[in-house]
N, C-alpha and C. Protein backbone atom coordinates (compact mmCIF):
# COMPACT_ATOMS: atom_id res chain seq x y z
N MET A 1 22.43 12.86 -38.01
CA MET A 1 22.14 12.31 -36.84
C MET A 1 21.47 11.50 -37.74
N SER A 2 20.92 10.17 -37.16
CA SER A 2 19.82 9.07 -37.83
C SER A 2 18.66 9.42 -37.42
N LEU A 3 17.77 8.30 -38.28
CA LEU A 3 16.60 8.56 -38.10
C LEU A 3 15.89 7.27 -38.21
N PHE A 4 15.14 6.86 -37.36
CA PHE A 4 14.65 5.49 -37.14
C PHE A 4 13.12 5.83 -37.19
N VAL A 5 11.94 5.32 -38.68
CA VAL A 5 10.82 5.21 -38.67
C VAL A 5 9.96 3.82 -38.80
N GLY A 6 8.87 4.42 -37.81
CA GLY A 6 7.95 3.43 -38.05
C GLY A 6 6.41 3.82 -38.28
N ILE A 7 6.02 2.84 -39.21
CA ILE A 7 4.83 2.69 -39.93
C ILE A 7 3.86 1.86 -39.70
N ASP A 8 2.59 2.58 -39.12
CA ASP A 8 1.51 1.58 -39.01
C ASP A 8 0.80 1.74 -40.06
N PRO A 9 0.51 1.00 -40.93
CA PRO A 9 -0.06 1.06 -42.23
C PRO A 9 -1.52 1.03 -42.39
N GLY A 10 -2.48 1.51 -41.79
CA GLY A 10 -3.87 1.36 -41.97
C GLY A 10 -4.47 2.68 -41.80
N LYS A 11 -5.39 2.80 -42.24
CA LYS A 11 -5.99 4.19 -42.49
C LYS A 11 -6.15 5.03 -41.11
N LYS A 12 -6.19 4.16 -40.11
CA LYS A 12 -6.05 5.11 -38.90
C LYS A 12 -4.68 4.81 -38.05
N GLY A 13 -3.99 4.57 -39.07
CA GLY A 13 -2.43 4.25 -38.69
C GLY A 13 -1.81 5.73 -38.50
N GLY A 14 -0.37 5.52 -38.91
CA GLY A 14 0.80 6.67 -39.04
C GLY A 14 1.94 6.23 -38.91
N ILE A 15 3.07 7.50 -39.38
CA ILE A 15 4.42 7.30 -39.83
C ILE A 15 4.73 8.04 -38.45
N CYS A 16 6.33 7.89 -37.98
CA CYS A 16 6.86 8.51 -36.78
C CYS A 16 8.42 8.36 -37.48
N ALA A 17 9.21 9.33 -37.30
CA ALA A 17 10.46 9.36 -37.17
C ALA A 17 10.87 10.01 -36.23
N ILE A 18 11.85 9.12 -35.29
CA ILE A 18 12.82 9.61 -34.24
C ILE A 18 14.45 9.31 -34.30
N ASN A 19 14.99 10.42 -33.75
CA ASN A 19 16.54 10.50 -33.84
C ASN A 19 16.96 9.60 -33.17
N ASP A 20 18.20 9.48 -33.03
CA ASP A 20 19.17 8.69 -31.92
C ASP A 20 18.91 8.57 -30.53
N ARG A 21 18.37 10.03 -30.23
CA ARG A 21 18.32 10.45 -28.86
C ARG A 21 16.86 10.42 -28.68
N GLU A 22 15.92 9.61 -29.59
CA GLU A 22 14.73 9.54 -29.17
C GLU A 22 13.81 10.69 -29.17
N GLN A 23 14.17 11.41 -30.15
CA GLN A 23 13.53 12.90 -30.18
C GLN A 23 12.48 12.66 -31.53
N VAL A 24 11.42 12.83 -31.38
CA VAL A 24 10.66 12.89 -32.32
C VAL A 24 10.72 14.03 -33.77
N PHE A 25 11.08 13.42 -34.78
CA PHE A 25 11.35 14.19 -35.96
C PHE A 25 10.06 14.68 -36.85
N LEU A 26 9.22 13.27 -36.87
CA LEU A 26 7.85 13.28 -37.63
C LEU A 26 7.05 12.47 -36.81
N LEU A 27 5.74 13.10 -37.10
CA LEU A 27 4.60 12.04 -36.27
C LEU A 27 3.48 12.99 -36.97
N GLU A 28 2.92 11.93 -37.84
CA GLU A 28 1.98 11.84 -38.43
C GLU A 28 0.74 10.78 -38.71
N ARG A 29 -0.45 11.31 -38.88
CA ARG A 29 -1.57 9.96 -39.25
C ARG A 29 -1.18 9.89 -40.81
N THR A 30 -1.48 8.68 -41.22
CA THR A 30 -1.94 8.29 -42.66
C THR A 30 -2.45 9.19 -43.23
N PRO A 31 -1.94 9.66 -44.32
CA PRO A 31 -2.20 10.90 -45.14
C PRO A 31 -3.81 10.38 -45.56
N LEU A 32 -5.03 10.64 -45.80
CA LEU A 32 -6.19 10.34 -46.57
C LEU A 32 -6.63 11.60 -46.98
N VAL A 33 -7.52 11.44 -48.48
CA VAL A 33 -8.31 12.22 -49.43
C VAL A 33 -9.64 12.05 -49.13
N GLY A 34 -10.59 12.99 -49.99
CA GLY A 34 -11.51 12.48 -50.13
C GLY A 34 -12.44 13.48 -49.20
N THR A 35 -13.92 13.48 -49.58
CA THR A 35 -14.66 14.05 -48.74
C THR A 35 -14.75 13.29 -47.38
N THR A 36 -15.00 12.06 -47.23
CA THR A 36 -14.89 11.19 -46.05
C THR A 36 -13.51 10.81 -45.30
N LYS A 37 -12.51 11.33 -46.40
CA LYS A 37 -11.43 10.85 -45.56
C LYS A 37 -11.04 9.25 -45.43
N LYS A 38 -11.44 8.84 -46.33
CA LYS A 38 -11.52 7.10 -46.58
C LYS A 38 -10.30 6.51 -47.75
N VAL A 39 -9.85 7.45 -48.15
CA VAL A 39 -8.91 6.96 -49.29
C VAL A 39 -7.71 7.61 -49.02
N TYR A 40 -6.67 6.45 -49.38
CA TYR A 40 -5.23 6.79 -49.02
C TYR A 40 -4.89 7.79 -50.04
N ASP A 41 -4.16 8.82 -49.48
CA ASP A 41 -3.56 10.08 -50.51
C ASP A 41 -1.92 9.52 -50.93
N GLU A 42 -2.15 8.40 -51.99
CA GLU A 42 -0.83 8.56 -52.28
C GLU A 42 0.21 9.05 -52.45
N GLN A 43 -0.39 10.36 -53.16
CA GLN A 43 0.74 11.40 -53.26
C GLN A 43 1.44 11.91 -51.97
N ALA A 44 0.81 12.35 -50.69
CA ALA A 44 1.16 12.91 -49.65
C ALA A 44 1.86 11.53 -49.21
N MET A 45 1.49 10.10 -49.12
CA MET A 45 2.59 9.04 -48.48
C MET A 45 3.70 9.02 -49.43
N ALA A 46 3.93 9.01 -50.77
CA ALA A 46 4.87 9.33 -51.59
C ALA A 46 5.70 10.41 -50.99
N ASN A 47 5.49 11.65 -50.64
CA ASN A 47 6.43 12.75 -50.49
C ASN A 47 6.89 12.38 -49.09
N LEU A 48 6.12 11.93 -48.16
CA LEU A 48 6.56 11.38 -46.79
C LEU A 48 8.01 10.59 -46.89
N ILE A 49 7.81 9.96 -47.60
CA ILE A 49 8.98 8.62 -47.65
C ILE A 49 9.97 9.43 -48.63
N ARG A 50 9.53 9.97 -49.76
CA ARG A 50 11.09 10.70 -50.31
C ARG A 50 11.62 11.78 -49.57
N ASP A 51 10.63 12.64 -48.63
CA ASP A 51 11.22 13.77 -47.93
C ASP A 51 12.41 13.02 -47.13
N LEU A 52 11.70 11.67 -46.54
CA LEU A 52 12.97 10.74 -45.26
C LEU A 52 14.07 10.65 -46.34
N PHE A 53 13.88 10.11 -47.47
CA PHE A 53 14.74 9.64 -48.12
C PHE A 53 15.96 10.70 -48.83
N LEU A 54 15.43 11.75 -49.02
CA LEU A 54 16.09 12.82 -49.31
C LEU A 54 17.23 13.49 -48.16
N SER A 55 16.55 13.09 -46.98
CA SER A 55 17.35 13.66 -45.43
C SER A 55 18.72 12.84 -45.67
N GLN A 56 18.79 11.62 -46.24
CA GLN A 56 19.62 10.57 -46.25
C GLN A 56 20.22 10.42 -44.76
N ARG A 57 19.27 10.36 -43.98
CA ARG A 57 19.87 9.88 -42.49
C ARG A 57 18.93 8.44 -41.96
N VAL A 58 17.67 8.19 -42.92
CA VAL A 58 17.16 6.94 -42.53
C VAL A 58 18.17 5.80 -42.14
N LYS A 59 18.12 5.35 -41.15
CA LYS A 59 18.79 4.01 -40.80
C LYS A 59 18.05 2.67 -40.95
N LEU A 60 16.70 2.66 -40.71
CA LEU A 60 16.15 1.32 -40.62
C LEU A 60 14.16 2.12 -40.38
N VAL A 61 13.94 1.72 -41.25
CA VAL A 61 12.12 1.45 -41.40
C VAL A 61 11.50 0.28 -40.71
N CYS A 62 10.55 0.39 -39.89
CA CYS A 62 9.93 -0.80 -39.28
C CYS A 62 8.54 -0.30 -39.66
N LEU A 63 8.15 -1.24 -40.88
CA LEU A 63 6.76 -1.01 -41.32
C LEU A 63 6.10 -2.38 -41.02
N GLU A 64 4.88 -2.62 -40.05
CA GLU A 64 4.09 -3.65 -39.82
C GLU A 64 3.82 -4.08 -40.59
N LYS A 65 4.05 -5.61 -40.62
CA LYS A 65 3.33 -6.44 -41.08
C LYS A 65 2.11 -6.89 -40.84
N VAL A 66 1.14 -6.67 -41.51
CA VAL A 66 -0.29 -6.96 -41.56
C VAL A 66 -0.70 -8.01 -42.25
N GLY A 67 -2.07 -8.62 -41.70
CA GLY A 67 -2.17 -9.72 -42.30
C GLY A 67 -4.00 -9.55 -42.01
N ALA A 68 -4.67 -10.60 -42.46
CA ALA A 68 -6.17 -10.70 -42.20
C ALA A 68 -6.61 -11.12 -41.02
N MET A 69 -7.31 -10.62 -40.23
CA MET A 69 -7.91 -10.59 -38.94
C MET A 69 -9.11 -11.39 -38.84
N PRO A 70 -9.33 -12.23 -38.13
CA PRO A 70 -10.90 -12.81 -37.99
C PRO A 70 -12.00 -11.98 -38.13
N GLY A 71 -12.86 -12.19 -38.77
CA GLY A 71 -14.03 -11.06 -38.56
C GLY A 71 -14.19 -9.73 -39.39
N GLN A 72 -13.08 -9.48 -40.01
CA GLN A 72 -12.99 -8.39 -40.81
C GLN A 72 -13.49 -8.88 -42.13
N GLY A 73 -14.41 -7.85 -42.85
CA GLY A 73 -14.83 -8.06 -44.27
C GLY A 73 -13.81 -8.24 -45.56
N VAL A 74 -14.11 -8.81 -46.68
CA VAL A 74 -13.00 -8.81 -47.71
C VAL A 74 -12.86 -7.21 -47.90
N THR A 75 -13.88 -6.48 -47.92
CA THR A 75 -13.41 -5.11 -48.25
C THR A 75 -12.48 -4.25 -47.43
N SER A 76 -12.72 -4.50 -46.63
CA SER A 76 -11.93 -3.78 -45.47
C SER A 76 -10.44 -4.53 -45.47
N MET A 77 -10.56 -5.59 -45.60
CA MET A 77 -9.07 -6.65 -45.49
C MET A 77 -8.27 -6.27 -46.88
N PHE A 78 -8.92 -5.95 -47.96
CA PHE A 78 -8.73 -5.37 -49.34
C PHE A 78 -7.78 -3.97 -48.84
N ASN A 79 -8.99 -2.96 -48.38
CA ASN A 79 -8.04 -1.63 -48.38
C ASN A 79 -6.96 -1.57 -47.05
N PHE A 80 -6.89 -2.33 -45.98
CA PHE A 80 -6.05 -2.42 -45.17
C PHE A 80 -4.63 -2.97 -45.92
N GLY A 81 -4.75 -3.90 -46.57
CA GLY A 81 -3.52 -4.91 -47.41
C GLY A 81 -3.34 -3.73 -48.59
N MET A 82 -4.22 -2.39 -48.98
CA MET A 82 -3.68 -1.67 -49.98
C MET A 82 -2.65 -0.86 -48.99
N GLY A 83 -3.06 -0.21 -48.12
CA GLY A 83 -2.30 0.70 -47.46
C GLY A 83 -0.81 0.18 -47.37
N TYR A 84 -0.64 -1.16 -46.90
CA TYR A 84 0.47 -1.94 -46.80
C TYR A 84 1.35 -1.92 -47.84
N GLY A 85 1.02 -2.26 -48.92
CA GLY A 85 1.59 -2.27 -49.95
C GLY A 85 1.78 -1.19 -50.60
N LEU A 86 1.16 -0.01 -50.81
CA LEU A 86 1.70 1.33 -50.94
C LEU A 86 2.71 1.84 -50.44
N TRP A 87 2.47 1.82 -48.80
CA TRP A 87 3.92 2.06 -48.04
C TRP A 87 4.87 1.30 -48.35
N ARG A 88 4.98 0.15 -48.92
CA ARG A 88 6.29 -0.91 -48.56
C ARG A 88 6.73 -0.58 -50.33
N GLY A 89 5.95 -0.03 -51.27
CA GLY A 89 6.15 0.13 -52.95
C GLY A 89 7.10 1.55 -52.18
N PHE A 90 6.78 2.28 -51.74
CA PHE A 90 7.33 3.33 -51.74
C PHE A 90 8.70 3.56 -50.95
N LEU A 91 8.86 2.62 -49.90
CA LEU A 91 9.80 2.77 -49.28
C LEU A 91 10.89 1.74 -50.52
N ALA A 92 10.48 0.80 -50.96
CA ALA A 92 11.09 -0.10 -51.84
C ALA A 92 11.93 0.80 -53.19
N MET A 93 11.03 1.98 -53.44
CA MET A 93 11.41 2.90 -54.76
C MET A 93 12.20 3.63 -54.14
N CYS A 94 12.41 4.31 -52.76
CA CYS A 94 13.49 4.78 -52.39
C CYS A 94 14.85 3.89 -51.61
N ASP A 95 14.51 2.71 -51.84
CA ASP A 95 15.56 1.55 -51.26
C ASP A 95 15.79 1.85 -50.10
N LEU A 96 14.90 2.40 -49.30
CA LEU A 96 15.26 2.58 -47.77
C LEU A 96 15.27 1.01 -47.21
N PRO A 97 15.98 1.07 -46.03
CA PRO A 97 16.31 -0.37 -45.38
C PRO A 97 15.18 -0.33 -44.63
N ARG A 98 14.57 -1.78 -44.51
CA ARG A 98 13.31 -1.94 -43.70
C ARG A 98 13.33 -3.53 -43.22
N MET A 99 12.32 -3.40 -42.15
CA MET A 99 11.94 -4.81 -41.28
C MET A 99 10.47 -4.73 -41.54
N ASN A 100 9.78 -5.60 -41.18
CA ASN A 100 8.39 -6.05 -41.37
C ASN A 100 8.18 -7.07 -40.39
N PRO A 101 8.00 -6.68 -39.03
CA PRO A 101 7.64 -7.31 -37.74
C PRO A 101 6.02 -7.54 -37.88
N THR A 102 5.35 -8.56 -37.21
CA THR A 102 4.12 -8.63 -37.20
C THR A 102 4.07 -8.02 -35.94
N PRO A 103 2.59 -7.76 -35.78
CA PRO A 103 2.30 -6.89 -34.57
C PRO A 103 2.54 -7.94 -33.49
N ALA A 104 2.30 -8.90 -32.91
CA ALA A 104 2.71 -9.57 -31.93
C ALA A 104 3.93 -9.81 -32.00
N LYS A 105 5.19 -9.86 -32.96
CA LYS A 105 6.65 -9.71 -32.21
C LYS A 105 6.84 -8.44 -31.80
N TRP A 106 6.50 -7.00 -32.58
CA TRP A 106 6.85 -5.93 -31.93
C TRP A 106 6.47 -5.60 -30.48
N LYS A 107 4.94 -6.14 -30.47
CA LYS A 107 4.12 -5.51 -29.09
C LYS A 107 4.69 -6.52 -28.15
N LYS A 108 5.14 -7.47 -28.23
CA LYS A 108 5.75 -8.35 -27.07
C LYS A 108 6.68 -7.65 -26.45
N GLU A 109 7.73 -6.70 -26.97
CA GLU A 109 8.65 -6.34 -26.90
C GLU A 109 8.31 -4.95 -26.05
N MET A 110 7.53 -4.04 -27.07
CA MET A 110 7.64 -2.87 -26.90
C MET A 110 6.22 -2.44 -25.95
N LEU A 111 5.21 -3.66 -25.65
CA LEU A 111 4.44 -3.21 -24.58
C LEU A 111 4.57 -4.44 -23.60
N ALA A 112 5.91 -4.70 -22.96
CA ALA A 112 6.13 -5.52 -22.16
C ALA A 112 5.90 -4.54 -20.61
N GLY A 113 5.38 -5.30 -19.65
CA GLY A 113 5.17 -4.53 -18.46
C GLY A 113 3.70 -3.45 -18.32
N ILE A 114 3.28 -3.47 -19.68
CA ILE A 114 1.92 -2.25 -19.50
C ILE A 114 0.89 -3.20 -19.39
N PRO A 115 0.08 -2.98 -18.36
CA PRO A 115 -1.04 -3.29 -18.04
C PRO A 115 -2.18 -3.65 -18.78
N ALA A 116 -2.34 -5.01 -19.54
CA ALA A 116 -3.42 -5.38 -20.48
C ALA A 116 -4.89 -4.98 -19.90
N ASP A 117 -5.12 -3.74 -20.19
CA ASP A 117 -6.50 -3.42 -19.76
C ASP A 117 -7.52 -3.45 -22.21
N ASP A 118 -6.51 -2.70 -22.53
CA ASP A 118 -7.51 -2.75 -23.79
C ASP A 118 -6.11 -2.71 -24.66
N LYS A 119 -5.99 -3.50 -26.15
CA LYS A 119 -4.45 -3.10 -26.78
C LYS A 119 -4.45 -1.90 -26.98
N LYS A 120 -5.53 -1.32 -27.74
CA LYS A 120 -5.26 0.49 -28.06
C LYS A 120 -4.48 0.90 -26.81
N ALA A 121 -5.31 1.21 -26.11
CA ALA A 121 -4.95 1.78 -25.22
C ALA A 121 -3.61 1.85 -24.38
N MET A 122 -3.36 0.34 -24.57
CA MET A 122 -1.84 -0.30 -24.14
C MET A 122 -0.60 0.29 -24.91
N SER A 123 -1.17 0.72 -26.15
CA SER A 123 -0.06 1.31 -26.94
C SER A 123 -0.08 2.74 -26.66
N ILE A 124 -1.17 3.41 -26.41
CA ILE A 124 -0.93 4.82 -26.02
C ILE A 124 -0.19 4.94 -24.76
N THR A 125 -0.45 4.26 -23.60
CA THR A 125 0.15 4.35 -22.48
C THR A 125 1.55 3.86 -22.64
N ALA A 126 2.05 2.86 -23.57
CA ALA A 126 3.25 2.50 -23.68
C ALA A 126 4.08 3.87 -24.38
N ALA A 127 3.78 4.35 -25.39
CA ALA A 127 4.28 5.60 -26.18
C ALA A 127 4.60 6.50 -25.33
N LYS A 128 3.34 6.68 -24.21
CA LYS A 128 3.76 8.33 -23.32
C LYS A 128 4.88 8.09 -22.43
N GLN A 129 4.92 6.73 -22.16
CA GLN A 129 6.41 6.46 -21.23
C GLN A 129 7.28 6.17 -22.11
N LEU A 130 7.29 5.86 -23.15
CA LEU A 130 8.78 5.68 -23.57
C LEU A 130 8.89 7.01 -24.73
N LEU A 131 8.19 7.56 -24.86
CA LEU A 131 8.09 8.75 -25.96
C LEU A 131 7.29 9.79 -25.52
N PRO A 132 7.95 10.38 -24.26
CA PRO A 132 6.99 11.04 -23.49
C PRO A 132 6.50 12.59 -24.45
N GLN A 133 7.53 12.73 -25.29
CA GLN A 133 7.53 14.40 -26.06
C GLN A 133 6.66 13.85 -27.20
N ALA A 134 6.24 12.65 -27.62
CA ALA A 134 5.41 12.28 -28.49
C ALA A 134 3.80 13.06 -28.59
N GLU A 135 3.40 14.19 -29.44
CA GLU A 135 2.30 15.02 -29.31
C GLU A 135 1.28 13.62 -30.16
N LEU A 136 0.59 12.87 -29.32
CA LEU A 136 -0.40 11.82 -29.75
C LEU A 136 -1.83 12.59 -29.88
N VAL A 137 -2.08 13.47 -29.46
CA VAL A 137 -3.16 14.27 -29.58
C VAL A 137 -2.94 14.98 -31.21
N PRO A 138 -3.87 14.41 -32.27
CA PRO A 138 -3.71 15.28 -33.74
C PRO A 138 -4.52 16.42 -33.59
N PRO A 139 -4.29 17.65 -34.18
CA PRO A 139 -4.69 18.83 -34.20
C PRO A 139 -6.38 18.60 -34.29
N GLY A 140 -7.07 19.20 -33.86
CA GLY A 140 -8.59 19.28 -33.78
C GLY A 140 -9.20 18.12 -33.10
N CYS A 141 -8.44 17.15 -32.47
CA CYS A 141 -8.73 16.11 -31.10
C CYS A 141 -8.85 16.12 -30.30
N ARG A 142 -9.16 15.51 -29.32
CA ARG A 142 -9.49 15.60 -27.75
C ARG A 142 -8.71 14.27 -27.20
N LYS A 143 -8.42 13.15 -28.15
CA LYS A 143 -7.89 12.00 -27.31
C LYS A 143 -6.98 11.63 -27.98
N PRO A 144 -5.67 10.90 -27.46
CA PRO A 144 -4.52 10.44 -28.02
C PRO A 144 -5.00 9.63 -29.45
N HIS A 145 -4.16 9.35 -30.26
CA HIS A 145 -4.42 8.74 -31.54
C HIS A 145 -3.92 7.36 -31.35
N ASP A 146 -4.36 6.09 -31.33
CA ASP A 146 -3.80 4.69 -31.36
C ASP A 146 -2.71 4.58 -32.18
N GLY A 147 -3.11 4.93 -33.45
CA GLY A 147 -2.20 4.78 -34.73
C GLY A 147 -0.90 5.68 -34.60
N LEU A 148 -0.92 6.65 -34.37
CA LEU A 148 0.16 7.42 -33.72
C LEU A 148 1.07 7.07 -33.00
N ALA A 149 0.14 6.38 -31.75
CA ALA A 149 1.24 6.03 -30.97
C ALA A 149 1.64 4.66 -31.38
N GLU A 150 1.21 3.64 -31.94
CA GLU A 150 1.83 2.68 -32.78
C GLU A 150 3.00 2.78 -33.59
N ALA A 151 2.52 3.78 -34.40
CA ALA A 151 3.83 4.53 -35.62
C ALA A 151 5.30 4.90 -34.47
N ALA A 152 4.60 5.35 -33.56
CA ALA A 152 6.13 5.99 -32.47
C ALA A 152 6.42 4.84 -31.80
N LEU A 153 6.01 3.83 -31.49
CA LEU A 153 6.49 2.31 -30.76
C LEU A 153 7.44 1.58 -32.29
N LEU A 154 6.59 1.80 -33.18
CA LEU A 154 7.19 1.14 -34.10
C LEU A 154 8.72 1.65 -34.49
N ALA A 155 8.84 3.02 -34.39
CA ALA A 155 10.23 3.75 -34.84
C ALA A 155 11.10 3.57 -33.60
N LEU A 156 10.55 3.33 -32.37
CA LEU A 156 11.23 2.68 -31.24
C LEU A 156 12.32 1.63 -31.52
N TYR A 157 11.03 0.69 -32.02
CA TYR A 157 11.14 -0.65 -32.27
C TYR A 157 12.59 -0.99 -32.96
N ALA A 158 12.56 0.05 -34.25
CA ALA A 158 13.54 0.06 -35.19
C ALA A 158 14.85 0.57 -34.52
N LYS A 159 14.60 1.46 -33.84
CA LYS A 159 15.78 1.81 -33.34
C LYS A 159 16.59 0.76 -32.29
N ARG A 160 15.81 0.13 -31.61
CA ARG A 160 16.48 -0.68 -30.70
C ARG A 160 17.00 -1.84 -31.66
N ALA A 161 16.24 -2.41 -32.77
CA ALA A 161 16.79 -3.74 -33.95
C ALA A 161 17.72 -2.96 -34.16
N HIS A 162 17.94 -1.87 -34.60
CA HIS A 162 19.16 -1.31 -35.16
C HIS A 162 20.64 -1.20 -33.96
N GLY A 163 20.15 -1.29 -32.80
CA GLY A 163 21.40 -1.71 -32.04
C GLY A 163 21.52 -0.62 -30.98
N GLY A 164 20.23 0.39 -31.21
CA GLY A 164 20.31 1.44 -29.82
C GLY A 164 19.44 0.85 -28.82
N SER A 165 19.68 1.20 -27.59
CA SER A 165 18.73 0.87 -26.35
C SER A 165 17.86 2.03 -26.38
């Protein structure tokens, strides 16, 4: 069975893998370490990608192409870009096929028809509708995690881009 992977590369992002039947195979927040959980856990990130590679079932990975956003500071943009670079490097190392759509591109398709109340809430609403079995509330939390929702939507976007509806 084929896997399609979506990665929201930020520290508040996540990684999701779904199969051809749109069943969730993997759904995790971006691994972080340290007492403040503000540092990327590079080894855990590499392990996630390696395990997907070793499954020999990944057809396409959708890694959101991030860029600078108005109003963000230099340090936060550097950290955000670092996460993108780490994920991209691990994917390249394993030679996994990937696409890098901008947020505007994938959201135009995946959020179509969702009421435009708040951008993060839109992703959660869409993920609940399109992948109802995805557990968007992480252990120890009470609210759905928008990074998990966006990773799930990116995985579904990858599946659709690969030719599945």
